[in-house]
Amino acid sequence: MMGETPGNLEDAVLGKLSVHDVGAGTAEKIRNLAHTSLARQRQRAAQRWGFELTYSRFLEPVLVSGVVVFYLTWAVKRALLLYQILR
């Protein structure tokens, strides 16, 4: 198969696969479930307020950032201490 590029080989192999598609009724049922789920998520997002909104948007990122800074400071101090011992 000289002159074949990897993409052409993949197309040839994938072209031999059979297609097993769902029926129109099943597709419509799945689509309706997805739309219902998305509508529910949108409604819940619109109802968030007060402490939950403050916590998820502001407080949680600040707390996570603080923990990360604390851990990195500790790790760097330990590494420097180890480096001084080995030197």
N, C-alpha and C. Protein backbone atom coordinates (compact mmCIF):
# COMPACT_ATOMS: atom_id res chain seq x y z
N MET A 1 0.83 -1.18 0.00
CA MET A 1 0.00 0.00 0.00
C MET A 1 0.87 1.24 0.00
N MET A 2 1.67 1.37 -1.00
CA MET A 2 2.54 2.52 -1.11
C MET A 2 1.71 3.75 -1.46
N GLY A 3 2.10 4.87 -0.93
CA GLY A 3 1.39 6.11 -1.20
C GLY A 3 0.19 6.33 -0.31
N GLU A 4 -0.12 5.37 0.52
CA GLU A 4 -1.25 5.52 1.44
C GLU A 4 -0.79 6.32 2.66
N THR A 5 -1.55 7.30 3.05
CA THR A 5 -1.24 8.04 4.27
C THR A 5 -2.01 7.41 5.42
N PRO A 6 -1.56 7.62 6.64
CA PRO A 6 -2.28 7.02 7.77
C PRO A 6 -3.75 7.41 7.80
N GLY A 7 -4.08 8.61 7.42
CA GLY A 7 -5.48 9.04 7.41
C GLY A 7 -6.30 8.25 6.41
N ASN A 8 -5.72 7.96 5.24
CA ASN A 8 -6.43 7.18 4.24
C ASN A 8 -6.65 5.76 4.72
N LEU A 9 -5.66 5.19 5.40
CA LEU A 9 -5.80 3.84 5.93
C LEU A 9 -6.92 3.78 6.96
N GLU A 10 -6.96 4.78 7.84
CA GLU A 10 -8.02 4.83 8.85
C GLU A 10 -9.39 4.96 8.19
N ASP A 11 -9.48 5.80 7.17
CA ASP A 11 -10.76 5.96 6.47
C ASP A 11 -11.20 4.66 5.84
N ALA A 12 -10.25 3.93 5.26
CA ALA A 12 -10.60 2.66 4.63
C ALA A 12 -11.09 1.65 5.65
N VAL A 13 -10.40 1.57 6.80
CA VAL A 13 -10.79 0.62 7.84
C VAL A 13 -12.12 1.02 8.46
N LEU A 14 -12.26 2.30 8.79
CA LEU A 14 -13.50 2.76 9.41
C LEU A 14 -14.68 2.69 8.45
N GLY A 15 -14.43 2.80 7.15
CA GLY A 15 -15.49 2.73 6.16
C GLY A 15 -16.13 1.35 6.09
N LYS A 16 -15.42 0.33 6.55
CA LYS A 16 -15.93 -1.04 6.53
C LYS A 16 -16.86 -1.33 7.71
N LEU A 17 -16.86 -0.46 8.73
CA LEU A 17 -17.70 -0.69 9.89
C LEU A 17 -19.17 -0.47 9.54
N SER A 18 -20.01 -1.29 10.11
CA SER A 18 -21.44 -1.12 9.86
C SER A 18 -22.00 -0.07 10.81
N VAL A 19 -23.09 0.53 10.40
CA VAL A 19 -23.72 1.58 11.20
C VAL A 19 -24.93 0.98 11.90
N HIS A 20 -24.97 1.14 13.21
CA HIS A 20 -26.11 0.68 14.00
C HIS A 20 -26.75 1.91 14.64
N ASP A 21 -27.69 2.47 13.95
CA ASP A 21 -28.33 3.69 14.43
C ASP A 21 -29.61 3.33 15.18
N VAL A 22 -30.02 4.21 16.07
CA VAL A 22 -31.25 3.99 16.82
C VAL A 22 -32.43 4.41 15.95
N GLY A 23 -33.58 3.92 16.31
CA GLY A 23 -34.80 4.28 15.57
C GLY A 23 -35.21 5.71 15.85
N ALA A 24 -36.09 6.21 15.02
CA ALA A 24 -36.54 7.59 15.17
C ALA A 24 -37.25 7.80 16.50
N GLY A 25 -38.03 6.83 16.94
CA GLY A 25 -38.74 6.96 18.22
C GLY A 25 -37.79 7.02 19.39
N THR A 26 -36.77 6.16 19.35
CA THR A 26 -35.77 6.15 20.43
C THR A 26 -34.99 7.46 20.45
N ALA A 27 -34.62 7.95 19.27
CA ALA A 27 -33.88 9.22 19.19
C ALA A 27 -34.72 10.36 19.75
N GLU A 28 -36.00 10.39 19.43
CA GLU A 28 -36.88 11.43 19.94
C GLU A 28 -37.04 11.34 21.46
N LYS A 29 -37.13 10.12 21.97
CA LYS A 29 -37.24 9.91 23.42
C LYS A 29 -35.99 10.42 24.13
N ILE A 30 -34.81 10.10 23.59
CA ILE A 30 -33.55 10.56 24.18
C ILE A 30 -33.45 12.07 24.11
N ARG A 31 -33.85 12.65 22.96
CA ARG A 31 -33.81 14.10 22.81
C ARG A 31 -34.71 14.78 23.84
N ASN A 32 -35.91 14.25 24.05
CA ASN A 32 -36.84 14.83 25.03
C ASN A 32 -36.28 14.72 26.45
N LEU A 33 -35.66 13.58 26.78
CA LEU A 33 -35.04 13.43 28.11
C LEU A 33 -33.92 14.44 28.31
N ALA A 34 -33.12 14.64 27.26
CA ALA A 34 -32.01 15.60 27.36
C ALA A 34 -32.54 17.02 27.55
N HIS A 35 -33.57 17.38 26.79
CA HIS A 35 -34.14 18.73 26.94
C HIS A 35 -34.74 18.93 28.33
N THR A 36 -35.40 17.91 28.84
CA THR A 36 -35.98 18.00 30.18
C THR A 36 -34.89 18.18 31.23
N SER A 37 -33.81 17.41 31.10
CA SER A 37 -32.70 17.50 32.04
C SER A 37 -32.05 18.88 31.99
N LEU A 38 -31.82 19.38 30.78
CA LEU A 38 -31.22 20.71 30.65
C LEU A 38 -32.11 21.80 31.21
N ALA A 39 -33.42 21.69 30.99
CA ALA A 39 -34.35 22.68 31.53
C ALA A 39 -34.32 22.66 33.05
N ARG A 40 -34.26 21.45 33.64
CA ARG A 40 -34.18 21.33 35.10
C ARG A 40 -32.89 21.96 35.63
N GLN A 41 -31.77 21.72 34.94
CA GLN A 41 -30.50 22.31 35.37
C GLN A 41 -30.54 23.83 35.28
N ARG A 42 -31.14 24.36 34.20
CA ARG A 42 -31.26 25.81 34.06
C ARG A 42 -32.10 26.40 35.17
N GLN A 43 -33.18 25.70 35.52
CA GLN A 43 -34.07 26.18 36.58
C GLN A 43 -33.35 26.18 37.92
N ARG A 44 -32.60 25.11 38.21
CA ARG A 44 -31.85 25.06 39.47
C ARG A 44 -30.79 26.15 39.53
N ALA A 45 -30.13 26.40 38.41
CA ALA A 45 -29.10 27.43 38.38
C ALA A 45 -29.70 28.81 38.63
N ALA A 46 -30.90 29.03 38.13
CA ALA A 46 -31.56 30.33 38.32
C ALA A 46 -32.02 30.51 39.76
N GLN A 47 -32.28 29.41 40.47
CA GLN A 47 -32.78 29.49 41.85
C GLN A 47 -31.65 29.63 42.88
N ARG A 48 -30.41 29.43 42.46
CA ARG A 48 -29.31 29.53 43.42
C ARG A 48 -29.12 30.97 43.85
N TRP A 49 -29.01 31.16 45.13
CA TRP A 49 -28.79 32.50 45.66
C TRP A 49 -28.27 32.39 47.07
N GLY A 50 -27.95 33.49 47.65
CA GLY A 50 -27.53 33.54 49.04
C GLY A 50 -26.20 32.85 49.27
N PHE A 51 -26.14 32.08 50.34
CA PHE A 51 -24.89 31.46 50.76
C PHE A 51 -24.36 30.49 49.71
N GLU A 52 -25.25 29.72 49.08
CA GLU A 52 -24.80 28.74 48.09
C GLU A 52 -24.08 29.42 46.93
N LEU A 53 -24.64 30.51 46.43
CA LEU A 53 -24.02 31.24 45.34
C LEU A 53 -22.70 31.87 45.79
N THR A 54 -22.71 32.48 46.97
CA THR A 54 -21.50 33.10 47.49
C THR A 54 -20.42 32.06 47.70
N TYR A 55 -20.79 30.91 48.26
CA TYR A 55 -19.82 29.86 48.51
C TYR A 55 -19.23 29.33 47.22
N SER A 56 -20.07 29.00 46.24
CA SER A 56 -19.58 28.36 45.03
C SER A 56 -18.82 29.32 44.12
N ARG A 57 -19.17 30.59 44.15
CA ARG A 57 -18.51 31.54 43.25
C ARG A 57 -17.30 32.22 43.86
N PHE A 58 -17.30 32.45 45.18
CA PHE A 58 -16.25 33.25 45.77
C PHE A 58 -15.48 32.51 46.87
N LEU A 59 -16.19 32.00 47.84
CA LEU A 59 -15.54 31.43 49.01
C LEU A 59 -14.76 30.16 48.68
N GLU A 60 -15.35 29.25 47.92
CA GLU A 60 -14.67 28.00 47.61
C GLU A 60 -13.37 28.22 46.83
N PRO A 61 -13.34 29.05 45.77
CA PRO A 61 -12.07 29.29 45.09
C PRO A 61 -11.01 29.91 45.99
N VAL A 62 -11.42 30.80 46.88
CA VAL A 62 -10.46 31.42 47.80
C VAL A 62 -9.90 30.37 48.76
N LEU A 63 -10.76 29.51 49.28
CA LEU A 63 -10.30 28.46 50.19
C LEU A 63 -9.36 27.48 49.49
N VAL A 64 -9.71 27.08 48.29
CA VAL A 64 -8.85 26.15 47.54
C VAL A 64 -7.51 26.80 47.23
N SER A 65 -7.53 28.05 46.83
CA SER A 65 -6.28 28.77 46.55
C SER A 65 -5.42 28.86 47.81
N GLY A 66 -6.03 29.12 48.95
CA GLY A 66 -5.29 29.18 50.20
C GLY A 66 -4.64 27.86 50.55
N VAL A 67 -5.36 26.76 50.36
CA VAL A 67 -4.79 25.44 50.64
C VAL A 67 -3.63 25.15 49.69
N VAL A 68 -3.78 25.51 48.43
CA VAL A 68 -2.72 25.28 47.45
C VAL A 68 -1.48 26.08 47.82
N VAL A 69 -1.64 27.35 48.17
CA VAL A 69 -0.49 28.18 48.55
C VAL A 69 0.17 27.61 49.79
N PHE A 70 -0.62 27.19 50.78
CA PHE A 70 -0.07 26.61 52.00
C PHE A 70 0.74 25.36 51.68
N TYR A 71 0.19 24.46 50.86
CA TYR A 71 0.88 23.22 50.52
C TYR A 71 2.16 23.49 49.74
N LEU A 72 2.08 24.38 48.74
CA LEU A 72 3.28 24.67 47.95
C LEU A 72 4.37 25.31 48.80
N THR A 73 3.98 26.19 49.72
CA THR A 73 4.96 26.79 50.63
C THR A 73 5.63 25.72 51.48
N TRP A 74 4.83 24.82 52.01
CA TRP A 74 5.36 23.73 52.84
C TRP A 74 6.29 22.84 52.01
N ALA A 75 5.89 22.49 50.78
CA ALA A 75 6.69 21.61 49.93
C ALA A 75 8.02 22.26 49.56
N VAL A 76 7.99 23.54 49.24
CA VAL A 76 9.24 24.24 48.87
C VAL A 76 10.16 24.33 50.09
N LYS A 77 9.61 24.63 51.26
CA LYS A 77 10.44 24.70 52.47
C LYS A 77 11.09 23.34 52.74
N ARG A 78 10.32 22.26 52.62
CA ARG A 78 10.87 20.92 52.86
C ARG A 78 11.95 20.59 51.83
N ALA A 79 11.74 20.96 50.57
CA ALA A 79 12.73 20.69 49.53
C ALA A 79 14.01 21.48 49.79
N LEU A 80 13.87 22.74 50.20
CA LEU A 80 15.05 23.54 50.50
C LEU A 80 15.79 22.99 51.71
N LEU A 81 15.06 22.53 52.71
CA LEU A 81 15.68 21.93 53.88
C LEU A 81 16.45 20.68 53.48
N LEU A 82 15.86 19.85 52.65
CA LEU A 82 16.52 18.64 52.17
C LEU A 82 17.76 18.99 51.36
N TYR A 83 17.65 20.00 50.52
CA TYR A 83 18.80 20.42 49.72
C TYR A 83 19.94 20.91 50.60
N GLN A 84 19.63 21.63 51.68
CA GLN A 84 20.66 22.12 52.59
C GLN A 84 21.32 20.97 53.34
N ILE A 85 20.56 19.94 53.66
CA ILE A 85 21.12 18.79 54.37
C ILE A 85 22.07 18.03 53.46
N LEU A 86 21.72 17.87 52.20
CA LEU A 86 22.55 17.11 51.28
C LEU A 86 23.77 17.89 50.81
N ARG A 87 23.76 19.16 50.96
CA ARG A 87 24.86 19.98 50.47
C ARG A 87 26.00 19.96 51.38
